[in-house]
Amino acid sequence: MTFQRARSEEQREIRRRAILDAATAMLDEMPVAELSLNELSRRVGLAKSNVLRYFESREAVLLELLDDFLQSWLAELENELAAGIERGAAPETRATQLAEILSRSLASRPVLCDLFGAQGGVLEHNVSVEVVKQHKRASLARLETMSALVRRHLPELADDAQLFCLMCLVSAGALSSYVPPPASLLAAYAEEPALAVLHLELREALRISFTSALLGVLPRG
């Protein structure tokens, strides 16, 4: 792909979108940690210096993708929750259904989980104060959207819904770093199965985490 010099705002937006699309394609092939600005520049057909005209760093690209992916996920999650949570059921039942849907939905989006995992320790570094402020504004808005969805189906959580949602996203990022296990670990499990006693698939690990958190904060009758 080769671009001419962008001379209008529309052309600049096309360049930005091309960079984001190329980064998205790369994340289908590699973890966040391996995505480099040099390779991104090569794939999008722009010099590295030109990519930096649109995004101040690799981390700025990934922060914008995180917001894009989160927005898309929340739109789908709304439908998943509406279809999967039984209106009028006991709070414990709805909490269990909510945990199952959240764990299934997040586990099916490994790139989003990988981005969550890199957010605090990597992506919010090497960016300007203005980029961080924009990112945090967007993140807080997405968190409120998620909290509202959760409260719609489990109003008993009340003000605890926001903290629960934040912990969901943090847990998804942290637990996804163990998936898939490296080849050396799988070999160790094969040779000594007892070592795998605490090994869980991501979906199951998230389900246990979310269920425990929800049942722990629900008000007691």
Protein backbone atom coordinates (compact mmCIF):
# COMPACT_ATOMS: atom_id res chain seq x y z
CA MET A 1 0.00 0.00 0.00
CA THR A 2 1.43 3.41 -0.99
CA PHE A 3 0.03 6.78 0.01
CA GLN A 4 0.36 10.24 -1.47
CA ARG A 5 0.80 13.18 0.91
CA ALA A 6 -2.39 13.83 2.87
CA ARG A 7 -3.72 17.28 1.99
CA SER A 8 -7.14 17.28 3.64
CA GLU A 9 -8.67 16.18 6.92
CA GLU A 10 -10.48 13.38 5.10
CA GLN A 11 -7.19 12.09 3.68
CA ARG A 12 -5.58 12.29 7.11
CA GLU A 13 -8.40 10.23 8.57
CA ILE A 14 -7.91 7.63 5.82
CA ARG A 15 -4.22 7.39 6.82
CA ARG A 16 -5.11 7.04 10.49
CA ARG A 17 -7.63 4.32 9.74
CA ALA A 18 -5.15 2.47 7.55
CA ILE A 19 -2.62 2.48 10.40
CA LEU A 20 -5.21 1.19 12.88
CA ASP A 21 -6.39 -1.49 10.44
CA ALA A 22 -2.81 -2.66 9.85
CA ALA A 23 -2.21 -2.83 13.61
CA THR A 24 -5.44 -4.80 14.05
CA ALA A 25 -4.31 -7.33 11.43
CA MET A 26 -0.95 -7.67 13.16
CA LEU A 27 -2.62 -8.41 16.50
CA ASP A 28 -4.36 -11.36 14.86
CA GLU A 29 -0.88 -12.78 14.22
CA MET A 30 1.15 -11.77 17.27
CA PRO A 31 0.79 -10.63 20.90
CA VAL A 32 0.78 -6.96 21.81
CA ALA A 33 4.37 -7.20 23.07
CA GLU A 34 5.66 -8.16 19.62
CA LEU A 35 3.97 -5.42 17.61
CA SER A 36 6.69 -2.96 16.56
CA LEU A 37 6.42 0.45 14.99
CA ASN A 38 8.93 -0.54 12.31
CA GLU A 39 6.84 -3.51 11.16
CA LEU A 40 3.63 -1.50 11.39
CA SER A 41 5.17 1.20 9.17
CA ARG A 42 6.28 -1.40 6.65
CA ARG A 43 2.86 -3.01 6.46
CA VAL A 44 0.96 0.23 6.09
CA GLY A 45 3.35 1.51 3.41
CA LEU A 46 4.48 4.66 5.22
CA ALA A 47 7.85 5.70 6.58
CA LYS A 48 8.09 5.43 10.36
CA SER A 49 8.39 9.22 10.54
CA ASN A 50 5.11 9.54 8.63
CA VAL A 51 3.31 7.12 10.94
CA LEU A 52 4.45 9.32 13.82
CA ARG A 53 2.64 12.25 12.20
CA TYR A 54 -0.64 10.50 13.00
CA PHE A 55 0.21 8.68 16.24
CA GLU A 56 2.94 9.85 18.56
CA SER A 57 4.07 6.31 19.44
CA ARG A 58 3.31 2.61 19.09
CA GLU A 59 1.54 2.81 22.46
CA ALA A 60 -0.75 5.59 21.21
CA VAL A 61 -1.85 3.35 18.33
CA LEU A 62 -2.61 0.49 20.71
CA LEU A 63 -4.50 2.69 23.17
CA GLU A 64 -6.81 3.80 20.38
CA LEU A 65 -7.30 0.20 19.31
CA LEU A 66 -8.11 -0.76 22.89
CA ASP A 67 -10.91 1.79 22.92
CA ASP A 68 -12.18 0.62 19.51
CA PHE A 69 -12.20 -3.03 20.59
CA LEU A 70 -13.81 -2.21 23.94
CA GLN A 71 -16.58 -0.20 22.30
CA SER A 72 -17.29 -3.01 19.84
CA TRP A 73 -17.31 -5.62 22.61
CA LEU A 74 -19.74 -3.64 24.76
CA ALA A 75 -22.17 -3.33 21.85
CA GLU A 76 -22.17 -7.12 21.47
CA LEU A 77 -22.24 -7.71 25.21
CA GLU A 78 -25.53 -5.83 25.52
CA ASN A 79 -27.22 -8.40 23.29
CA GLU A 80 -25.50 -11.34 24.96
CA LEU A 81 -26.68 -10.25 28.40
CA ALA A 82 -30.23 -9.61 27.21
CA ALA A 83 -30.42 -13.09 25.72
CA GLY A 84 -28.69 -14.96 28.52
CA ILE A 85 -29.91 -13.54 31.84
CA GLU A 86 -33.27 -14.68 33.13
CA ARG A 87 -35.45 -11.75 34.17
CA GLY A 88 -37.08 -12.31 37.54
CA ALA A 89 -34.67 -15.02 38.64
CA ALA A 90 -33.09 -14.92 42.09
CA PRO A 91 -30.09 -12.59 42.41
CA GLU A 92 -27.69 -15.52 42.86
CA THR A 93 -28.98 -17.10 39.66
CA ARG A 94 -28.62 -13.90 37.67
CA ALA A 95 -25.15 -13.36 39.13
CA THR A 96 -24.09 -16.84 38.01
CA GLN A 97 -25.51 -16.24 34.52
CA LEU A 98 -23.75 -12.86 34.33
CA ALA A 99 -20.42 -14.40 35.30
CA GLU A 100 -20.82 -17.14 32.69
CA ILE A 101 -21.63 -14.69 29.89
CA LEU A 102 -18.82 -12.29 30.79
CA SER A 103 -16.24 -15.07 31.03
CA ARG A 104 -17.32 -16.66 27.75
CA SER A 105 -17.45 -13.34 25.94
CA LEU A 106 -14.04 -12.09 27.13
CA ALA A 107 -12.30 -15.44 26.64
CA SER A 108 -13.41 -15.40 23.01
CA ARG A 109 -11.62 -12.06 22.53
CA PRO A 110 -7.96 -12.79 23.32
CA VAL A 111 -6.68 -9.63 21.62
CA LEU A 112 -8.89 -7.43 23.80
CA CYS A 113 -7.70 -9.30 26.91
CA ASP A 114 -4.07 -8.93 25.79
CA LEU A 115 -4.58 -5.17 25.41
CA PHE A 116 -6.12 -4.98 28.89
CA GLY A 117 -3.11 -6.82 30.25
CA ALA A 118 -0.70 -4.33 28.67
CA GLN A 119 -2.71 -1.20 29.48
CA GLY A 120 -1.26 -0.12 32.81
CA GLY A 121 2.26 -1.49 32.58
CA VAL A 122 3.02 -0.72 28.92
CA LEU A 123 0.46 1.20 26.89
CA GLU A 124 0.06 4.15 29.24
CA HIS A 125 3.80 4.75 29.03
CA ASN A 126 5.61 6.55 26.18
CA VAL A 127 2.60 8.74 25.48
CA SER A 128 1.96 12.40 26.19
CA VAL A 129 -0.25 13.75 28.94
CA GLU A 130 -2.85 14.75 26.33
CA VAL A 131 -3.03 11.22 24.89
CA VAL A 132 -3.37 9.74 28.38
CA LYS A 133 -6.15 12.20 29.22
CA GLN A 134 -8.04 11.32 26.03
CA HIS A 135 -7.58 7.63 26.76
CA LYS A 136 -8.76 7.93 30.35
CA ARG A 137 -11.84 9.94 29.34
CA ALA A 138 -12.76 7.24 26.83
CA SER A 139 -12.02 4.43 29.30
CA LEU A 140 -14.21 5.96 32.00
CA ALA A 141 -17.05 6.38 29.52
CA ARG A 142 -16.75 2.71 28.45
CA LEU A 143 -16.61 1.60 32.07
CA GLU A 144 -19.79 3.49 32.83
CA THR A 145 -21.47 1.85 29.82
CA MET A 146 -20.46 -1.59 31.11
CA SER A 147 -21.55 -0.73 34.64
CA ALA A 148 -24.97 0.36 33.39
CA LEU A 149 -25.36 -2.93 31.51
CA VAL A 150 -24.47 -4.92 34.61
CA ARG A 151 -26.82 -2.89 36.84
CA ARG A 152 -29.63 -3.41 34.32
CA HIS A 153 -29.50 -7.17 34.91
CA LEU A 154 -28.25 -7.19 38.49
CA PRO A 155 -29.49 -3.97 40.11
CA GLU A 156 -28.70 -5.43 43.53
CA LEU A 157 -25.05 -4.50 42.91
CA ALA A 158 -25.91 -0.78 43.00
CA ASP A 159 -22.72 1.27 43.37
CA ASP A 160 -20.55 -1.85 43.49
CA ALA A 161 -21.22 -2.45 39.78
CA GLN A 162 -18.49 -0.07 38.60
CA LEU A 163 -15.79 -1.59 40.79
CA PHE A 164 -16.88 -5.08 39.75
CA CYS A 165 -16.62 -4.12 36.07
CA LEU A 166 -13.17 -2.62 36.58
CA MET A 167 -11.98 -5.79 38.31
CA CYS A 168 -13.43 -7.87 35.46
CA LEU A 169 -11.31 -6.07 32.90
CA VAL A 170 -8.19 -6.14 35.07
CA SER A 171 -8.68 -9.86 35.73
CA ALA A 172 -9.17 -10.59 32.03
CA GLY A 173 -5.89 -8.86 31.26
CA ALA A 174 -3.96 -10.55 34.06
CA LEU A 175 -5.27 -14.07 33.52
CA SER A 176 -4.88 -13.94 29.74
CA SER A 177 -1.10 -13.60 30.17
CA TYR A 178 -1.04 -17.28 31.18
CA VAL A 179 -2.82 -18.40 28.00
CA PRO A 180 -1.64 -20.28 26.07
CA PRO A 181 1.02 -21.83 28.33
CA PRO A 182 4.53 -21.89 26.85
CA ALA A 183 5.76 -25.13 25.30
CA SER A 184 8.12 -25.76 28.22
CA LEU A 185 5.25 -25.62 30.70
CA LEU A 186 3.07 -27.94 28.63
CA ALA A 187 5.98 -30.39 28.44
CA ALA A 188 6.39 -30.22 32.21
CA TYR A 189 2.67 -30.92 32.69
CA ALA A 190 2.90 -33.89 30.32
CA GLU A 191 5.83 -35.36 32.24
CA GLU A 192 4.43 -34.61 35.70
CA PRO A 193 0.63 -34.15 35.57
CA ALA A 194 0.41 -33.21 39.25
CA LEU A 195 2.05 -29.88 38.38
CA ALA A 196 -1.07 -28.92 36.39
CA VAL A 197 -3.40 -29.14 39.37
CA LEU A 198 -4.17 -25.39 39.24
CA HIS A 199 -4.07 -25.03 35.46
CA LEU A 200 -7.35 -23.65 34.10
CA GLU A 201 -8.52 -22.53 30.70
CA LEU A 202 -9.07 -18.77 30.48
CA ARG A 203 -12.85 -19.00 30.30
CA GLU A 204 -13.08 -21.20 33.40
CA ALA A 205 -10.61 -19.07 35.35
CA LEU A 206 -12.60 -15.94 34.53
CA ARG A 207 -15.90 -17.62 35.41
CA ILE A 208 -14.63 -18.61 38.84
CA SER A 209 -13.20 -15.15 39.46
CA PHE A 210 -16.34 -13.31 38.34
CA THR A 211 -18.73 -15.62 40.19
CA SER A 212 -16.78 -15.30 43.43
CA ALA A 213 -16.68 -11.51 43.14
CA LEU A 214 -20.39 -11.19 42.39
CA LEU A 215 -21.60 -13.52 45.09
CA GLY A 216 -19.28 -11.80 47.54
CA VAL A 217 -20.76 -8.33 47.00
CA LEU A 218 -24.44 -9.23 46.63
CA PRO A 219 -26.46 -8.03 49.63
CA ARG A 220 -27.54 -10.83 51.95
CA GLY A 221 -31.26 -11.35 52.38
